[in-house]
Protein backbone atom coordinates (compact mmCIF):
# COMPACT_ATOMS: atom_id res chain seq x y z
CA MET A 1 -66.96 -73.83 219.39
CA ILE A 2 -68.71 -72.84 222.75
CA ILE A 3 -72.00 -74.42 223.63
CA PHE A 4 -74.67 -73.61 226.05
CA THR A 5 -77.50 -75.78 226.75
CA PHE A 6 -81.28 -74.88 227.91
CA ARG A 7 -83.51 -77.98 228.24
CA ILE A 8 -87.44 -77.45 228.46
CA MET A 9 -89.20 -80.56 229.65
CA LYS A 10 -88.21 -84.04 228.26
CA THR A 11 -89.01 -83.34 224.72
CA SER A 12 -87.47 -80.04 224.01
CA ASN A 13 -83.66 -79.02 223.75
CA ILE A 14 -82.70 -75.67 222.59
CA GLN A 15 -78.94 -75.25 222.47
CA PHE A 16 -77.00 -72.08 221.77
CA PHE A 17 -73.76 -72.15 219.90
CA LYS A 18 -71.11 -69.57 218.81
CA GLU A 19 -69.25 -69.93 215.70
CA GLY A 20 -66.12 -67.61 215.27
CA VAL A 21 -67.61 -64.82 216.88
CA SER A 22 -67.10 -62.97 220.08
CA PHE A 23 -70.81 -62.32 221.24
CA ARG A 24 -72.73 -62.74 224.65
CA ILE A 25 -75.85 -64.50 224.19
CA PRO A 26 -78.57 -62.60 225.84
CA GLY A 27 -81.24 -64.13 227.93
CA LYS A 28 -80.72 -67.83 227.01
CA LYS A 29 -83.55 -69.10 229.45
CA PHE A 30 -85.92 -66.41 228.19
CA LEU A 31 -85.07 -67.39 224.69
CA GLY A 32 -85.54 -71.17 225.18
CA LYS A 33 -88.78 -70.63 226.76
CA TRP A 34 -89.90 -68.23 223.93
CA ILE A 35 -88.89 -70.32 221.02
CA VAL A 36 -90.39 -73.58 222.66
CA SER A 37 -93.62 -71.31 223.20
CA ALA A 38 -93.82 -69.89 219.81
CA CYS A 39 -93.38 -73.35 218.24
CA ARG A 40 -96.01 -74.85 220.24
CA GLY A 41 -98.18 -72.04 219.33
CA GLU A 42 -97.95 -72.77 215.69
CA ASN A 43 -98.89 -76.31 216.49
CA ALA A 44 -95.49 -77.94 216.42
CA LYS A 45 -93.75 -79.82 218.86
CA PRO A 46 -90.18 -78.62 219.55
CA GLY A 47 -87.56 -81.30 219.78
CA SER A 48 -83.60 -80.40 219.18
CA ILE A 49 -83.07 -76.83 217.99
CA ASN A 50 -79.66 -75.43 217.62
CA ILE A 51 -79.23 -71.84 217.19
CA ILE A 52 -75.60 -70.91 216.01
CA PHE A 53 -74.55 -67.28 216.09
CA CYS A 54 -71.80 -66.57 213.60
CA SER A 55 -70.04 -64.06 211.37
CA ASP A 56 -71.30 -62.83 207.94
CA ARG A 57 -68.42 -64.71 206.27
CA TYR A 58 -69.38 -67.97 207.97
CA LEU A 59 -73.10 -67.66 207.04
CA LEU A 60 -72.08 -66.52 203.31
CA LYS A 61 -70.06 -69.81 202.97
CA LEU A 62 -72.95 -72.07 204.40
CA ASN A 63 -75.34 -70.08 201.86
CA SER A 64 -73.04 -70.71 198.77
CA GLU A 65 -72.21 -74.16 199.74
CA TYR A 66 -75.64 -75.60 200.76
CA LEU A 67 -78.17 -73.35 199.03
CA ASN A 68 -76.09 -72.12 195.88
CA HIS A 69 -76.90 -68.42 196.76
CA HIS A 70 -73.84 -66.19 196.81
CA TYR A 71 -74.97 -62.98 198.91
CA PHE A 72 -75.03 -62.17 202.49
CA THR A 73 -78.05 -63.12 204.62
CA ASP A 74 -79.02 -62.85 208.22
CA VAL A 75 -80.39 -66.24 209.06
CA ILE A 76 -80.59 -69.70 207.43
CA THR A 77 -82.59 -72.62 208.82
CA PHE A 78 -81.69 -75.96 208.20
CA ASP A 79 -84.64 -78.35 208.91
CA TYR A 80 -84.08 -82.05 210.23
CA SER A 81 -87.35 -82.71 211.25
CA GLU A 82 -88.49 -86.25 210.41
CA GLY A 83 -92.26 -86.72 209.96
CA GLU A 84 -94.85 -84.61 211.45
CA ASP A 85 -94.54 -85.17 215.23
CA THR A 86 -91.36 -83.13 216.44
CA ILE A 87 -89.58 -80.29 214.56
CA SER A 88 -85.72 -80.30 214.58
CA GLY A 89 -83.10 -78.05 212.75
CA ASP A 90 -80.24 -75.74 212.75
CA ILE A 91 -80.57 -71.87 212.76
CA TYR A 92 -77.54 -70.04 211.65
CA ILE A 93 -77.57 -66.25 212.29
CA SER A 94 -75.18 -63.65 211.43
CA VAL A 95 -74.37 -61.22 214.19
CA ASP A 96 -72.85 -58.93 211.78
CA ARG A 97 -75.92 -58.72 209.64
CA VAL A 98 -78.15 -58.54 212.62
CA ARG A 99 -76.24 -55.28 213.68
CA SER A 100 -76.09 -53.95 210.25
CA ASN A 101 -79.99 -54.46 209.70
CA ALA A 102 -80.64 -53.42 213.19
CA ARG A 103 -79.08 -49.65 212.19
CA ARG A 104 -80.63 -50.13 208.79
CA TYR A 105 -84.49 -50.60 210.11
CA GLY A 106 -83.73 -48.14 213.07
CA CYS A 107 -84.44 -50.69 215.82
CA SER A 108 -82.41 -52.25 218.59
CA PHE A 109 -79.95 -55.05 218.15
CA ARG A 110 -81.71 -57.07 220.67
CA ASP A 111 -85.20 -56.56 218.83
CA GLU A 112 -83.59 -57.38 215.40
CA LEU A 113 -81.81 -60.45 216.84
CA HIS A 114 -85.18 -61.71 218.32
CA ARG A 115 -86.91 -61.27 214.86
CA VAL A 116 -84.53 -63.60 213.24
CA ILE A 117 -84.47 -66.19 216.02
CA ILE A 118 -88.20 -66.50 215.70
CA HIS A 119 -87.99 -66.34 211.99
CA GLY A 120 -85.69 -69.47 211.70
CA SER A 121 -87.95 -70.97 214.30
CA LEU A 122 -91.19 -70.12 212.05
CA HIS A 123 -89.38 -71.76 209.23
CA LEU A 124 -89.00 -75.02 211.32
CA THR A 125 -92.86 -74.92 212.07
CA GLY A 126 -93.45 -74.86 208.39
CA TYR A 127 -93.58 -71.20 207.13
CA ARG A 128 -92.16 -70.41 203.95
CA ASP A 129 -91.15 -66.92 202.52
CA ASP A 130 -90.67 -67.59 198.73
CA THR A 131 -93.44 -65.55 197.59
CA GLN A 132 -94.57 -62.14 198.54
CA LYS A 133 -97.87 -63.63 199.96
CA ARG A 134 -95.76 -65.84 202.06
CA LYS A 135 -93.33 -63.34 203.26
CA GLU A 136 -96.25 -61.03 204.46
CA GLU A 137 -97.63 -63.88 206.57
CA MET A 138 -94.28 -64.77 207.97
CA ARG A 139 -94.00 -61.10 208.87
CA ARG A 140 -97.11 -61.33 210.57
CA ARG A 141 -96.16 -64.24 212.69
CA GLU A 142 -92.59 -62.68 213.43
CA ASP A 143 -94.79 -59.50 214.90
CA TYR A 144 -97.09 -61.51 216.77
CA TRP A 145 -94.42 -63.51 218.40
CA LEU A 146 -92.51 -60.61 219.21
CA LYS A 147 -95.24 -59.05 221.06
CA CYS A 148 -95.50 -62.05 222.93
CA ARG A 149 -91.90 -61.81 224.48
CA SER A 150 -92.56 -59.98 227.57
CA LYS A 151 -94.76 -63.16 228.67
CA PHE A 152 -91.53 -65.16 228.97
CA GLN A 153 -88.96 -62.73 230.54
């Protein structure tokens, strides 16, 4: 596993990992600032957040083992936050699924990657997508934070 760390202030630690994929993580400094700002903008204090880029097979294994879901997905978030003060967790992202979804939805790989990164981050701040109404709210927040990206580049 290759580890890249980006530390923002004393209370926030965004780390990037790769598990079994050959993938260049674009704009780690920008991503760290953006994630921290989005969390704070959602009234959450970011603590330790790990973003792990992996393959479809790896994420399918996690999805089956921990969530009892036997299908491919693009992102899984494990929330390790304790209490209401600081959020912490792991965000697993399938690079394979992001590439496939970018083609499917007619957008760039970068835009789809950013969407799933912010999607996982929003889960840590308390958003859920288990109903149609919640999915729509999650999508609105994703769209909002995607529009805000340019402020952090």
